[in-house]
Structure formats: structure tokens, C-alpha cells
Amino acid sequence: MKFLHVMIRTQDINKSLDFYTKLLDMNLVRTIKLDDCILYFLSDEDGQTQIELTANFENPENGYENGNAFGHFAFAVKSMKEFSEKLHSFGYEYLYEPFYMEEAGSTIAFIKDPDGNEIELIED
């Protein structure tokens, strides 16, 4: 069995595409137009992991609610210092500033995407 992708709905597809492609360096690999939405498939640098952004033609007025079951996505970054500079150049801030997590043996931080989904960054 092979894991293919995870899907999230987005309120503003342009903001989300910019966030995932420009800030997190994901690649838009295909789109599929359906009757009620457009699906945008984004892949990581080695093409192994994908996020499907779903842009429904009709969105809830106040956006989508994540509930309390979802935790976060996790992305590896080569340099937290370089990522921090990039993050701030795009006008984003950390949810939780970078800190060394002794139990994991690495530096981690958290940000949120334009729809409020939490993303953990792990320096590798």
C-alpha cells in the first residue's frame, strides 16, 4: 500500500497556492475541474507526498472549521534560519517560534496556512 495525498479545503485558493508553492516550495502538478470545485494537487520536491487543495465554488461564509481531531502537517526544512527569513519576507509570523526539542533531537517551529491549518517545521 502507498500513501497518496491528504486533502484540505481552502477559502482563498490564490492565497493557499502562494503559501504552499512559494513559501513551502511545493509544486503544482495537476488540477482537476469537477462540477462543484477544482482540485489542485501539490507535490513535495521528490514527488512522494501530495496535498490536494480543494477550492469549492461555494464556500461557507466564515470559512471551514478544522474541528479538534486534526493536529498538523509536518515539513522538513534544511535551515530554520533561512526559512525564518523567507517566512518574514512573505509577511508571515510563527505560531510557535523555533525551539530545540531535546526529545526529538531537532529544532522545530509552527506556522499556520491561510486557512488556519497548523504546520510543524522540523530542521533536518
C-alpha atoms as a PDB file:
ATOM      1  CA  MET A   1       0.000   0.000   0.000  1.00  0.00           C
ATOM      2  CA  LYS A   2       1.173   3.527  -0.785  1.00  0.00           C
ATOM      3  CA  PHE A   3       0.050   6.808   0.793  1.00  0.00           C
ATOM      4  CA  LEU A   4      -1.052   9.207  -1.966  1.00  0.00           C
ATOM      5  CA  HIS A   5      -2.257  12.528  -0.569  1.00  0.00           C
ATOM      6  CA  VAL A   6      -4.195  14.454   2.034  1.00  0.00           C
ATOM      7  CA  MET A   7      -6.994  16.851   1.036  1.00  0.00           C
ATOM      8  CA  ILE A   8      -7.867  20.177   2.631  1.00  0.00           C
ATOM      9  CA  ARG A   9     -10.475  22.723   1.620  1.00  0.00           C
ATOM     10  CA  THR A  10      -9.401  26.307   1.140  1.00  0.00           C
ATOM     11  CA  GLN A  11     -11.315  29.554   1.377  1.00  0.00           C
ATOM     12  CA  ASP A  12      -8.991  31.514  -0.950  1.00  0.00           C
ATOM     13  CA  ILE A  13      -7.174  29.285  -3.435  1.00  0.00           C
ATOM     14  CA  ASN A  14      -4.784  32.022  -4.598  1.00  0.00           C
ATOM     15  CA  LYS A  15      -3.519  32.688  -1.061  1.00  0.00           C
ATOM     16  CA  SER A  16      -3.184  28.957  -0.418  1.00  0.00           C
ATOM     17  CA  LEU A  17      -1.370  28.279  -3.687  1.00  0.00           C
ATOM     18  CA  ASP A  18       1.074  31.114  -2.960  1.00  0.00           C
ATOM     19  CA  PHE A  19       1.644  29.818   0.575  1.00  0.00           C
ATOM     20  CA  TYR A  20       2.314  26.215  -0.408  1.00  0.00           C
ATOM     21  CA  THR A  21       4.227  26.847  -3.647  1.00  0.00           C
ATOM     22  CA  LYS A  22       6.215  29.975  -2.787  1.00  0.00           C
ATOM     23  CA  LEU A  23       6.804  29.599   0.950  1.00  0.00           C
ATOM     24  CA  LEU A  24       6.884  25.793   1.281  1.00  0.00           C
ATOM     25  CA  ASP A  25       8.338  25.097  -2.190  1.00  0.00           C
ATOM     26  CA  MET A  26       5.662  22.609  -3.242  1.00  0.00           C
ATOM     27  CA  ASN A  27       4.965  22.108  -6.945  1.00  0.00           C
ATOM     28  CA  LEU A  28       1.565  22.280  -8.596  1.00  0.00           C
ATOM     29  CA  VAL A  29       1.462  19.006 -10.532  1.00  0.00           C
ATOM     30  CA  ARG A  30      -2.124  18.861 -11.799  1.00  0.00           C
ATOM     31  CA  THR A  31      -5.614  20.257 -11.492  1.00  0.00           C
ATOM     32  CA  ILE A  32      -8.966  18.565 -11.928  1.00  0.00           C
ATOM     33  CA  LYS A  33     -12.151  20.551 -12.528  1.00  0.00           C
ATOM     34  CA  LEU A  34     -15.328  18.962 -11.170  1.00  0.00           C
ATOM     35  CA  ASP A  35     -18.915  20.210 -11.160  1.00  0.00           C
ATOM     36  CA  ASP A  36     -18.633  21.871  -7.748  1.00  0.00           C
ATOM     37  CA  CYS A  37     -14.920  22.525  -7.268  1.00  0.00           C
ATOM     38  CA  ILE A  38     -11.382  22.500  -8.639  1.00  0.00           C
ATOM     39  CA  LEU A  39      -8.771  20.178  -7.140  1.00  0.00           C
ATOM     40  CA  TYR A  40      -5.163  21.384  -7.036  1.00  0.00           C
ATOM     41  CA  PHE A  41      -2.541  18.705  -6.412  1.00  0.00           C
ATOM     42  CA  LEU A  42       0.754  19.911  -4.922  1.00  0.00           C
ATOM     43  CA  SER A  43       3.790  17.681  -4.572  1.00  0.00           C
ATOM     44  CA  ASP A  44       6.940  17.871  -2.488  1.00  0.00           C
ATOM     45  CA  GLU A  45      10.408  18.048  -4.062  1.00  0.00           C
ATOM     46  CA  ASP A  46      10.793  14.292  -4.516  1.00  0.00           C
ATOM     47  CA  GLY A  47       7.222  13.740  -5.726  1.00  0.00           C
ATOM     48  CA  GLN A  48       6.376  11.304  -2.951  1.00  0.00           C
ATOM     49  CA  THR A  49       3.906  13.321  -0.893  1.00  0.00           C
ATOM     50  CA  GLN A  50       0.988  15.385  -2.113  1.00  0.00           C
ATOM     51  CA  ILE A  51      -1.524  17.832  -0.696  1.00  0.00           C
ATOM     52  CA  GLU A  52      -4.791  18.273  -2.553  1.00  0.00           C
ATOM     53  CA  LEU A  53      -6.209  21.773  -2.133  1.00  0.00           C
ATOM     54  CA  THR A  54      -9.923  21.784  -2.856  1.00  0.00           C
ATOM     55  CA  ALA A  55     -11.445  25.064  -3.974  1.00  0.00           C
ATOM     56  CA  ASN A  56     -15.216  24.663  -3.788  1.00  0.00           C
ATOM     57  CA  PHE A  57     -17.235  27.054  -5.910  1.00  0.00           C
ATOM     58  CA  GLU A  58     -19.415  27.776  -2.862  1.00  0.00           C
ATOM     59  CA  ASN A  59     -17.670  28.248   0.485  1.00  0.00           C
ATOM     60  CA  PRO A  60     -19.099  28.710   3.975  1.00  0.00           C
ATOM     61  CA  GLU A  61     -19.310  32.429   4.722  1.00  0.00           C
ATOM     62  CA  ASN A  62     -16.976  32.164   7.728  1.00  0.00           C
ATOM     63  CA  GLY A  63     -14.628  29.599   6.189  1.00  0.00           C
ATOM     64  CA  TYR A  64     -14.097  25.994   7.167  1.00  0.00           C
ATOM     65  CA  GLU A  65     -13.727  24.614  10.678  1.00  0.00           C
ATOM     66  CA  ASN A  66     -10.978  22.106  11.395  1.00  0.00           C
ATOM     67  CA  GLY A  67     -12.573  20.576  14.463  1.00  0.00           C
ATOM     68  CA  ASN A  68     -10.456  19.090  17.212  1.00  0.00           C
ATOM     69  CA  ALA A  69      -9.278  15.866  15.549  1.00  0.00           C
ATOM     70  CA  PHE A  70      -6.791  17.424  13.117  1.00  0.00           C
ATOM     71  CA  GLY A  71      -3.373  18.255  14.523  1.00  0.00           C
ATOM     72  CA  HIS A  72      -0.889  19.499  11.927  1.00  0.00           C
ATOM     73  CA  PHE A  73       1.143  18.811   8.797  1.00  0.00           C
ATOM     74  CA  ALA A  74       4.915  18.458   9.160  1.00  0.00           C
ATOM     75  CA  PHE A  75       7.566  19.721   6.719  1.00  0.00           C
ATOM     76  CA  ALA A  76      11.348  19.349   6.872  1.00  0.00           C
ATOM     77  CA  VAL A  77      13.433  22.497   6.439  1.00  0.00           C
ATOM     78  CA  LYS A  78      17.164  22.475   5.778  1.00  0.00           C
ATOM     79  CA  SER A  79      17.852  25.654   7.763  1.00  0.00           C
ATOM     80  CA  MET A  80      15.433  27.187  10.253  1.00  0.00           C
ATOM     81  CA  LYS A  81      17.348  30.473   9.994  1.00  0.00           C
ATOM     82  CA  GLU A  82      16.919  30.634   6.205  1.00  0.00           C
ATOM     83  CA  PHE A  83      13.280  29.570   6.450  1.00  0.00           C
ATOM     84  CA  SER A  84      12.645  32.271   9.084  1.00  0.00           C
ATOM     85  CA  GLU A  85      13.973  34.927   6.722  1.00  0.00           C
ATOM     86  CA  LYS A  86      11.766  33.622   3.910  1.00  0.00           C
ATOM     87  CA  LEU A  87       8.732  33.390   6.207  1.00  0.00           C
ATOM     88  CA  HIS A  88       9.085  37.002   7.311  1.00  0.00           C
ATOM     89  CA  SER A  89       9.738  38.215   3.749  1.00  0.00           C
ATOM     90  CA  PHE A  90       6.290  36.843   2.824  1.00  0.00           C
ATOM     91  CA  GLY A  91       4.711  38.657   5.788  1.00  0.00           C
ATOM     92  CA  TYR A  92       4.010  35.542   7.873  1.00  0.00           C
ATOM     93  CA  GLU A  93       4.827  35.029  11.536  1.00  0.00           C
ATOM     94  CA  TYR A  94       5.402  31.945  13.630  1.00  0.00           C
ATOM     95  CA  LEU A  95       2.629  30.474  15.710  1.00  0.00           C
ATOM     96  CA  TYR A  96       5.391  28.981  17.900  1.00  0.00           C
ATOM     97  CA  GLU A  97       8.907  30.337  17.381  1.00  0.00           C
ATOM     98  CA  PRO A  98      11.705  27.862  16.611  1.00  0.00           C
ATOM     99  CA  PHE A  99      12.973  25.930  19.628  1.00  0.00           C
ATOM    100  CA  TYR A 100      15.181  22.931  20.208  1.00  0.00           C
ATOM    101  CA  MET A 101      13.140  19.883  21.210  1.00  0.00           C
ATOM    102  CA  GLU A 102      15.527  17.676  23.124  1.00  0.00           C
ATOM    103  CA  GLU A 103      13.248  14.623  22.974  1.00  0.00           C
ATOM    104  CA  ALA A 104      13.250  14.730  19.161  1.00  0.00           C
ATOM    105  CA  GLY A 105      16.827  15.954  18.828  1.00  0.00           C
ATOM    106  CA  SER A 106      15.903  18.736  16.435  1.00  0.00           C
ATOM    107  CA  THR A 107      14.730  22.325  16.175  1.00  0.00           C
ATOM    108  CA  ILE A 108      11.026  22.712  15.459  1.00  0.00           C
ATOM    109  CA  ALA A 109       8.548  25.565  14.953  1.00  0.00           C
ATOM    110  CA  PHE A 110       4.903  26.006  13.984  1.00  0.00           C
ATOM    111  CA  ILE A 111       3.122  28.269  11.488  1.00  0.00           C
ATOM    112  CA  LYS A 112      -0.423  28.428  10.118  1.00  0.00           C
ATOM    113  CA  ASP A 113      -1.501  28.402   6.483  1.00  0.00           C
ATOM    114  CA  PRO A 114      -4.053  30.957   5.177  1.00  0.00           C
ATOM    115  CA  ASP A 115      -6.924  28.693   6.298  1.00  0.00           C
ATOM    116  CA  GLY A 116      -5.588  28.207   9.817  1.00  0.00           C
ATOM    117  CA  ASN A 117      -4.124  24.714   9.371  1.00  0.00           C
ATOM    118  CA  GLU A 118      -1.112  24.232  11.621  1.00  0.00           C
ATOM    119  CA  ILE A 119       2.195  23.253  10.065  1.00  0.00           C
ATOM    120  CA  GLU A 120       5.147  21.929  12.024  1.00  0.00           C
ATOM    121  CA  LEU A 121       8.583  22.726  10.654  1.00  0.00           C
ATOM    122  CA  ILE A 122      11.402  20.375  11.572  1.00  0.00           C
ATOM    123  CA  GLU A 123      15.010  21.272  10.847  1.00  0.00           C
ATOM    124  CA  ASP A 124      16.754  18.270   9.324  1.00  0.00           C
END
